[in-house]
Amino acid sequence: MEELVVHVLTQYGYLLYPFITAWTFVEGETVVIVTGVLASEGRFRIHVEMLALAALTGSFFGDQLYYYIGRRYGTPLLKRWPSLSGRIDWAFETVNRSPAVFILSFRWIYGVRNVAPFIVGIAGVPRVKYLVLNFIAAAIWAHSFAWGGFFMGRKLEEWLGDSKWFVLGGFIVFMIGFGVFGAMRGRAKSAPKAAEPSEPT
């Protein structure tokens, strides 16, 4: 991740913020944290507030799109994700019980973040309500990780010097491995269910 961001900064520095916007449209916080750490070094002209704005824009519009897809196409899409059934059931219960809390918090919940906007759309949360809450949540999320990466980079530089990238690299690898393990475990659980014959009607 660091190499990718550094390459963009070195060769196409003017594309950094569009790159962050496009990445956060479909992905999560890793690229924001790494860029925030790079901003703390002073090697590149990275404005943390612009980084946060780019991340906010990508996250907000990405989740708006997924919300509308959920409203429009709904349940048929969920049938393609049998491995997510447990998390989806929990998310439906939560969004029906307290939609505002769910919308404001789902970006921080591992395993739910990517499907949450679909579920909110399927649950029928009003468009304007979701738009306002989604914007607030995206702003909090983007600023937290942009400035969090910046201050984390400062502290790691004090403690570890150049070795900080080994620590960050290990953390990123751990998170990717954790995500892959979770996905494989979910598929393993869903396989027996898919193999069960359907009951006669």
Protein backbone atom coordinates (compact mmCIF):
# COMPACT_ATOMS: atom_id res chain seq x y z
CA MET A 1 0.00 0.00 0.00
CA GLU A 2 2.80 2.44 0.89
CA GLU A 3 4.55 1.75 -2.45
CA LEU A 4 1.34 2.41 -4.38
CA VAL A 5 0.65 5.72 -2.65
CA VAL A 6 4.30 6.83 -2.97
CA HIS A 7 4.25 5.96 -6.69
CA VAL A 8 1.13 8.05 -7.21
CA LEU A 9 2.67 10.93 -5.26
CA THR A 10 5.98 10.76 -7.14
CA GLN A 11 4.71 10.30 -10.67
CA TYR A 12 1.23 11.77 -10.55
CA GLY A 13 1.09 13.99 -7.45
CA TYR A 14 -1.79 16.03 -8.84
CA LEU A 15 -3.90 12.86 -8.97
CA LEU A 16 -3.51 12.02 -5.28
CA TYR A 17 -6.86 13.33 -4.11
CA PRO A 18 -8.87 11.92 -7.06
CA PHE A 19 -7.06 8.61 -6.41
CA ILE A 20 -8.11 8.69 -2.74
CA THR A 21 -11.69 9.54 -3.74
CA ALA A 22 -11.85 6.66 -6.22
CA TRP A 23 -10.26 4.21 -3.76
CA THR A 24 -12.56 5.07 -0.86
CA PHE A 25 -15.56 4.84 -3.21
CA VAL A 26 -15.08 1.07 -3.21
CA GLU A 27 -12.68 0.35 -0.34
CA GLY A 28 -11.93 1.22 3.25
CA GLU A 29 -9.59 3.12 5.47
CA THR A 30 -6.15 1.59 4.82
CA VAL A 31 -5.18 3.99 2.03
CA VAL A 32 -6.34 6.96 4.13
CA ILE A 33 -4.22 5.90 7.10
CA VAL A 34 -1.13 5.30 4.93
CA THR A 35 -1.50 8.66 3.21
CA GLY A 36 -1.97 10.35 6.58
CA VAL A 37 1.27 8.76 7.79
CA LEU A 38 3.07 9.98 4.65
CA ALA A 39 1.70 13.48 5.29
CA SER A 40 3.30 13.43 8.73
CA GLU A 41 6.76 12.90 7.20
CA GLY A 42 6.77 16.12 5.20
CA ARG A 43 8.30 14.43 2.14
CA PHE A 44 5.30 15.27 0.00
CA ARG A 45 2.88 18.16 -0.18
CA ILE A 46 -0.12 16.43 1.35
CA HIS A 47 -2.79 18.51 3.05
CA VAL A 48 -4.48 16.37 5.68
CA GLU A 49 -7.74 18.29 5.42
CA MET A 50 -7.79 17.76 1.64
CA LEU A 51 -7.08 14.09 2.25
CA ALA A 52 -10.04 13.93 4.63
CA LEU A 53 -12.26 15.73 2.11
CA ALA A 54 -11.28 13.30 -0.66
CA ALA A 55 -11.98 10.31 1.59
CA LEU A 56 -15.28 11.82 2.71
CA THR A 57 -16.35 12.35 -0.91
CA GLY A 58 -15.49 8.82 -2.02
CA SER A 59 -17.03 7.13 0.99
CA PHE A 60 -20.17 9.25 0.91
CA PHE A 61 -20.97 8.83 -2.78
CA GLY A 62 -20.02 5.16 -2.76
CA ASP A 63 -22.42 4.40 0.06
CA GLN A 64 -25.11 6.55 -1.53
CA LEU A 65 -24.84 4.43 -4.67
CA TYR A 66 -25.01 1.16 -2.73
CA TYR A 67 -28.02 2.47 -0.79
CA TYR A 68 -29.92 3.21 -4.01
CA ILE A 69 -29.00 -0.18 -5.44
CA GLY A 70 -30.41 -1.73 -2.28
CA ARG A 71 -33.64 0.24 -2.60
CA ARG A 72 -33.97 -0.59 -6.27
CA TYR A 73 -32.91 -4.23 -6.51
CA GLY A 74 -33.10 -5.34 -2.90
CA THR A 75 -33.58 -8.93 -1.91
CA PRO A 76 -32.44 -10.67 -5.14
CA LEU A 77 -28.92 -9.34 -4.58
CA LEU A 78 -28.77 -10.80 -1.07
CA LYS A 79 -29.34 -14.29 -2.44
CA ARG A 80 -25.92 -14.05 -4.08
CA TRP A 81 -24.25 -13.67 -0.65
CA PRO A 82 -25.34 -16.71 1.39
CA SER A 83 -22.14 -16.51 3.44
CA LEU A 84 -23.31 -13.17 4.88
CA SER A 85 -26.66 -14.41 6.14
CA GLY A 86 -25.79 -14.13 9.85
CA ARG A 87 -24.40 -10.63 9.57
CA ILE A 88 -27.26 -9.52 7.32
CA ASP A 89 -29.89 -10.77 9.79
CA TRP A 90 -28.16 -8.91 12.63
CA ALA A 91 -27.85 -5.75 10.52
CA PHE A 92 -31.54 -5.85 9.57
CA GLU A 93 -32.54 -6.16 13.21
CA THR A 94 -30.26 -3.27 14.17
CA VAL A 95 -31.29 -0.89 11.38
CA ASN A 96 -34.98 -1.55 12.06
CA ARG A 97 -34.50 -0.96 15.78
CA SER A 98 -32.30 2.16 15.53
CA PRO A 99 -31.59 3.31 11.96
CA ALA A 100 -29.77 6.52 12.96
CA VAL A 101 -27.33 4.71 15.25
CA PHE A 102 -26.70 2.02 12.63
CA ILE A 103 -26.01 4.50 9.82
CA LEU A 104 -23.66 6.54 11.98
CA SER A 105 -21.73 3.49 13.16
CA PHE A 106 -21.66 0.86 10.40
CA ARG A 107 -18.36 2.15 8.93
CA TRP A 108 -16.68 1.02 12.14
CA ILE A 109 -18.18 -2.48 12.29
CA TYR A 110 -16.02 -5.19 10.74
CA GLY A 111 -17.88 -7.58 8.47
CA VAL A 112 -20.90 -5.33 8.01
CA ARG A 113 -19.43 -2.16 6.53
CA ASN A 114 -19.53 -3.28 2.86
CA VAL A 115 -23.12 -4.54 2.86
CA ALA A 116 -24.64 -2.05 5.30
CA PRO A 117 -25.74 0.58 2.71
CA PHE A 118 -27.58 -2.13 0.74
CA ILE A 119 -29.37 -3.24 3.89
CA VAL A 120 -30.31 0.32 4.83
CA GLY A 121 -31.78 0.77 1.34
CA ILE A 122 -33.72 -2.49 1.50
CA ALA A 123 -35.00 -1.60 4.97
CA GLY A 124 -36.65 1.48 3.49
CA VAL A 125 -34.90 4.22 5.45
CA PRO A 126 -36.06 7.55 3.90
CA ARG A 127 -33.70 9.02 1.30
CA VAL A 128 -33.19 12.41 2.93
CA LYS A 129 -32.62 10.89 6.35
CA TYR A 130 -30.00 8.52 4.98
CA LEU A 131 -28.30 11.27 2.95
CA VAL A 132 -27.87 13.54 5.99
CA LEU A 133 -26.76 10.79 8.36
CA ASN A 134 -24.48 9.24 5.76
CA PHE A 135 -22.76 12.59 5.20
CA ILE A 136 -22.21 13.07 8.92
CA ALA A 137 -20.88 9.52 9.30
CA ALA A 138 -18.57 9.85 6.28
CA ALA A 139 -17.18 13.16 7.61
CA ILE A 140 -16.42 11.66 11.03
CA TRP A 141 -14.90 8.53 9.48
CA ALA A 142 -12.72 10.40 6.96
CA HIS A 143 -11.36 12.93 9.44
CA SER A 144 -10.72 10.25 12.06
CA PHE A 145 -8.54 8.16 9.76
CA ALA A 146 -6.84 11.04 7.92
CA TRP A 147 -5.81 12.86 11.10
CA GLY A 148 -5.38 9.58 12.96
CA GLY A 149 -2.85 8.43 10.35
CA PHE A 150 -1.09 11.80 10.55
CA PHE A 151 -0.67 11.78 14.34
CA MET A 152 0.11 8.06 14.38
CA GLY A 153 2.89 8.72 11.87
CA ARG A 154 4.32 11.43 14.10
CA LYS A 155 4.35 9.16 17.14
CA LEU A 156 5.74 6.15 15.28
CA GLU A 157 8.50 8.35 13.86
CA GLU A 158 9.44 9.37 17.39
CA TRP A 159 9.44 5.81 18.68
CA LEU A 160 10.68 3.77 15.71
CA GLY A 161 12.16 6.08 13.10
CA ASP A 162 12.30 4.50 9.64
CA SER A 163 11.26 1.14 11.10
CA LYS A 164 7.71 2.42 11.49
CA TRP A 165 6.84 1.16 8.00
CA PHE A 166 7.60 -2.42 9.07
CA VAL A 167 5.09 -2.02 11.90
CA LEU A 168 2.48 -0.48 9.61
CA GLY A 169 3.13 -3.12 6.96
CA GLY A 170 2.67 -5.87 9.52
CA PHE A 171 -0.57 -4.29 10.70
CA ILE A 172 -1.90 -4.07 7.13
CA VAL A 173 -0.96 -7.68 6.40
CA PHE A 174 -2.66 -8.76 9.64
CA MET A 175 -5.86 -6.91 8.72
CA ILE A 176 -5.90 -8.39 5.21
CA GLY A 177 -5.30 -11.87 6.61
CA PHE A 178 -8.04 -11.37 9.19
CA GLY A 179 -10.46 -10.30 6.44
CA VAL A 180 -9.58 -13.28 4.22
CA PHE A 181 -9.96 -15.66 7.17
CA GLY A 182 -13.37 -14.20 7.98
CA ALA A 183 -14.53 -14.53 4.37
CA MET A 184 -13.32 -18.15 4.12
CA ARG A 185 -14.94 -19.02 7.40
CA GLY A 186 -18.23 -17.51 6.25
CA ARG A 187 -18.12 -19.50 3.01
CA ALA A 188 -17.35 -22.69 4.90
CA LYS A 189 -20.40 -22.15 7.11
CA SER A 190 -22.66 -21.39 4.16
CA ALA A 191 -21.58 -24.45 2.14
CA PRO A 192 -23.58 -27.00 4.21
CA LYS A 193 -26.67 -24.78 3.99
CA ALA A 194 -26.38 -24.55 0.23
CA ALA A 195 -26.02 -28.33 0.00
CA GLU A 196 -29.22 -28.99 1.96
CA PRO A 197 -32.16 -29.97 -0.30
CA SER A 198 -35.06 -27.55 -0.28
CA GLU A 199 -38.26 -28.66 1.41
CA PRO A 200 -41.07 -29.73 -0.93
CA THR A 201 -43.89 -27.22 -1.28
